[in-house]
C-alpha atoms as a PDB file:
ATOM      1  CA  MET A   1       0.046  -0.259  -0.017  1.00  0.00           C
ATOM      2  CA  ARG A   2       1.391   3.145  -0.833  1.00  0.00           C
ATOM      3  CA  ILE A   3       0.142   6.776   0.479  1.00  0.00           C
ATOM      4  CA  VAL A   4      -0.387   9.162  -2.419  1.00  0.00           C
ATOM      5  CA  ALA A   5      -1.899  12.400  -0.909  1.00  0.00           C
ATOM      6  CA  VAL A   6      -3.122  13.569   2.418  1.00  0.00           C
ATOM      7  CA  ARG A   7      -5.759  16.064   3.064  1.00  0.00           C
ATOM      8  CA  PRO A   8      -4.724  18.817   4.499  1.00  0.00           C
ATOM      9  CA  ARG A   9      -7.413  20.042   6.371  1.00  0.00           C
ATOM     10  CA  PRO A  10      -7.520  17.488   9.139  1.00  0.00           C
ATOM     11  CA  VAL A  11      -3.776  17.916   9.680  1.00  0.00           C
ATOM     12  CA  CYS A  12      -4.038  21.983  10.088  1.00  0.00           C
ATOM     13  CA  VAL A  13      -6.912  21.374  12.333  1.00  0.00           C
ATOM     14  CA  VAL A  14      -4.632  19.367  14.652  1.00  0.00           C
ATOM     15  CA  LEU A  15      -1.767  21.566  14.645  1.00  0.00           C
ATOM     16  CA  PHE A  16      -3.700  24.234  14.909  1.00  0.00           C
ATOM     17  CA  ILE A  17      -5.003  23.104  18.336  1.00  0.00           C
ATOM     18  CA  VAL A  18      -1.476  21.736  19.195  1.00  0.00           C
ATOM     19  CA  TYR A  19       0.154  25.041  18.390  1.00  0.00           C
ATOM     20  CA  ALA A  20      -2.848  27.363  20.205  1.00  0.00           C
ATOM     21  CA  VAL A  21      -1.716  25.497  23.234  1.00  0.00           C
ATOM     22  CA  PHE A  22       1.619  25.961  22.796  1.00  0.00           C
ATOM     23  CA  GLY A  23       0.688  29.474  22.669  1.00  0.00           C
ATOM     24  CA  LEU A  24      -0.757  29.345  25.851  1.00  0.00           C
ATOM     25  CA  CYS A  25       2.126  27.705  27.420  1.00  0.00           C
ATOM     26  CA  ALA A  26       4.343  30.636  25.977  1.00  0.00           C
ATOM     27  CA  PHE A  27       2.596  33.218  27.409  1.00  0.00           C
ATOM     28  CA  LEU A  28       2.412  31.543  30.819  1.00  0.00           C
ATOM     29  CA  VAL A  29       5.984  31.150  30.738  1.00  0.00           C
ATOM     30  CA  PHE A  30       6.356  34.838  29.789  1.00  0.00           C
ATOM     31  CA  ASP A  31       3.639  35.957  32.666  1.00  0.00           C
ATOM     32  CA  PHE A  32       5.483  34.024  35.416  1.00  0.00           C
ATOM     33  CA  ASP A  33       8.842  33.595  34.748  1.00  0.00           C
ATOM     34  CA  ASN A  34       9.331  37.477  34.269  1.00  0.00           C
ATOM     35  CA  ALA A  35      10.788  37.266  30.510  1.00  0.00           C
ATOM     36  CA  SER A  36      11.613  40.275  29.105  1.00  0.00           C
ATOM     37  CA  GLU A  37       9.548  40.291  26.138  1.00  0.00           C
ATOM     38  CA  LEU A  38       6.396  38.123  24.488  1.00  0.00           C
ATOM     39  CA  ILE A  39       7.409  37.101  21.078  1.00  0.00           C
ATOM     40  CA  LEU A  40       4.351  36.517  18.685  1.00  0.00           C
ATOM     41  CA  PRO A  41       5.440  34.399  15.341  1.00  0.00           C
ATOM     42  CA  PHE A  42       3.638  34.357  11.860  1.00  0.00           C
ATOM     43  CA  GLY A  43       4.611  31.684   9.846  1.00  0.00           C
ATOM     44  CA  ILE A  44       6.470  28.389   9.379  1.00  0.00           C
ATOM     45  CA  LEU A  45       7.108  27.264  13.100  1.00  0.00           C
ATOM     46  CA  MET A  46       8.479  23.650  13.334  1.00  0.00           C
ATOM     47  CA  PRO A  47      11.715  22.111  15.194  1.00  0.00           C
ATOM     48  CA  LEU A  48      15.005  22.749  13.105  1.00  0.00           C
ATOM     49  CA  ALA A  49      13.390  25.379  11.297  1.00  0.00           C
ATOM     50  CA  ASP A  50      11.760  28.671  11.668  1.00  0.00           C
ATOM     51  CA  PHE A  51      10.748  30.884   8.878  1.00  0.00           C
ATOM     52  CA  THR A  52       8.573  33.302  11.214  1.00  0.00           C
ATOM     53  CA  PHE A  53       7.819  37.142  10.980  1.00  0.00           C
ATOM     54  CA  ASN A  54       8.139  37.718  14.591  1.00  0.00           C
ATOM     55  CA  ILE A  55       6.507  40.070  16.740  1.00  0.00           C
ATOM     56  CA  ARG A  56       8.758  41.620  20.367  1.00  0.00           C
ATOM     57  CA  LEU A  57       6.311  42.880  22.696  1.00  0.00           C
ATOM     58  CA  ALA A  58       8.218  44.541  25.762  1.00  0.00           C
ATOM     59  CA  ARG A  59       7.203  43.530  28.946  1.00  0.00           C
ATOM     60  CA  SER A  60       6.089  47.232  29.977  1.00  0.00           C
ATOM     61  CA  ILE A  61       3.609  46.981  27.331  1.00  0.00           C
ATOM     62  CA  VAL A  62       2.356  43.344  28.069  1.00  0.00           C
ATOM     63  CA  SER A  63       2.006  43.910  32.275  1.00  0.00           C
ATOM     64  CA  ALA A  64      -0.700  46.515  31.703  1.00  0.00           C
ATOM     65  CA  GLU A  65      -3.431  44.334  29.998  1.00  0.00           C
ATOM     66  CA  PRO A  66      -2.269  40.670  29.999  1.00  0.00           C
ATOM     67  CA  VAL A  67      -5.569  38.983  28.376  1.00  0.00           C
ATOM     68  CA  PRO A  68      -5.606  40.663  25.315  1.00  0.00           C
ATOM     69  CA  TYR A  69      -1.725  39.801  24.900  1.00  0.00           C
ATOM     70  CA  ALA A  70      -2.718  36.002  26.492  1.00  0.00           C
ATOM     71  CA  ILE A  71      -5.564  36.169  23.366  1.00  0.00           C
ATOM     72  CA  ALA A  72      -3.102  37.110  21.060  1.00  0.00           C
ATOM     73  CA  ALA A  73      -0.148  34.871  22.048  1.00  0.00           C
ATOM     74  CA  ILE A  74      -2.876  31.887  21.413  1.00  0.00           C
ATOM     75  CA  ALA A  75      -3.949  33.197  17.905  1.00  0.00           C
ATOM     76  CA  ALA A  76      -0.316  33.613  16.569  1.00  0.00           C
ATOM     77  CA  TYR A  77       0.750  30.314  17.478  1.00  0.00           C
ATOM     78  CA  ALA A  78      -2.433  28.673  16.073  1.00  0.00           C
ATOM     79  CA  VAL A  79      -2.355  30.566  13.008  1.00  0.00           C
ATOM     80  CA  SER A  80       1.361  29.791  12.881  1.00  0.00           C
ATOM     81  CA  GLY A  81       0.311  26.009  13.584  1.00  0.00           C
ATOM     82  CA  PHE A  82      -2.242  26.322  10.615  1.00  0.00           C
ATOM     83  CA  VAL A  83       0.063  27.608   8.233  1.00  0.00           C
ATOM     84  CA  THR A  84       2.981  24.848   9.141  1.00  0.00           C
ATOM     85  CA  ALA A  85       0.550  22.372   8.596  1.00  0.00           C
ATOM     86  CA  ALA A  86      -0.452  23.703   5.171  1.00  0.00           C
ATOM     87  CA  ALA A  87       3.232  24.158   4.512  1.00  0.00           C
ATOM     88  CA  LEU A  88       3.879  20.418   5.275  1.00  0.00           C
ATOM     89  CA  THR A  89       0.977  19.059   3.454  1.00  0.00           C
ATOM     90  CA  TYR A  90       1.365  20.520   0.599  1.00  0.00           C
ATOM     91  CA  CYS A  91       4.892  19.240   0.447  1.00  0.00           C
ATOM     92  CA  PHE A  92       4.466  15.934   1.465  1.00  0.00           C
ATOM     93  CA  ASN A  93       1.779  15.692  -1.109  1.00  0.00           C
ATOM     94  CA  PHE A  94       4.068  17.278  -3.846  1.00  0.00           C
ATOM     95  CA  VAL A  95       7.062  14.646  -3.024  1.00  0.00           C
ATOM     96  CA  ALA A  96       4.206  11.767  -2.778  1.00  0.00           C
ATOM     97  CA  GLY A  97       3.097  12.579  -6.257  1.00  0.00           C
ATOM     98  CA  LEU A  98       6.602  13.018  -7.919  1.00  0.00           C
ATOM     99  CA  THR A  99       7.663   9.449  -6.389  1.00  0.00           C
ATOM    100  CA  GLY A 100       4.680   7.836  -7.122  1.00  0.00           C
ATOM    101  CA  GLY A 101       3.149   7.896  -3.195  1.00  0.00           C
ATOM    102  CA  ILE A 102       5.114   6.695  -0.385  1.00  0.00           C
ATOM    103  CA  ASP A 103       5.495   2.921   0.997  1.00  0.00           C
ATOM    104  CA  ALA A 104       3.075   2.133   3.843  1.00  0.00           C
ATOM    105  CA  ARG A 105       3.580  -1.287   4.658  1.00  0.00           C
ATOM    106  CA  PHE A 106       3.483  -2.717   8.338  1.00  0.00           C
ATOM    107  CA  VAL A 107       6.283  -4.849   9.293  1.00  0.00           C
ATOM    108  CA  ALA A 108       6.139  -6.996  11.648  1.00  0.00           C
ATOM    109  CA  THR A 109       8.630  -6.577  14.774  1.00  0.00           C
ATOM    110  CA  SER A 110       8.219 -10.059  16.471  1.00  0.00           C
ATOM    111  CA  ASP A 111       7.290 -13.503  15.486  1.00  0.00           C
ATOM    112  CA  GLU A 112       3.782 -13.808  15.868  1.00  0.00           C
ATOM    113  CA  LYS A 113       3.325 -17.458  17.423  1.00  0.00           C
ATOM    114  CA  GLU A 114       0.744 -18.717  19.358  1.00  0.00           C
ATOM    115  CA  PRO A 115       1.913 -19.635  23.215  1.00  0.00           C
ATOM    116  CA  SER A 116       2.713 -23.413  23.373  1.00  0.00           C
ATOM    117  CA  SER A 117       0.131 -25.121  25.842  1.00  0.00           C
END
């Protein structure tokens, strides 16, 4: 069996939610660890690659009214997750289309023997 394409919508929704949680965690770390600035990323954000436009907000701006900035952090990370998922899904589909699909065979890792009586 070969995977020829992946639908982008489910992948985008999952990463949207996961990155929104990361945004909440980033805001909580910023708020409770007294970090000097809050960074709101917009773009493709993943491990080992960061193609984002960052908005940096100083602590003095954020500490006056933290709730709107918490919502902004969650939204920025969620949008970045959506964009990242869309880009990765389209890259995967492009490569799978060029190669004729990605092999998806399941290989048994141990002998499946019935227990002896």
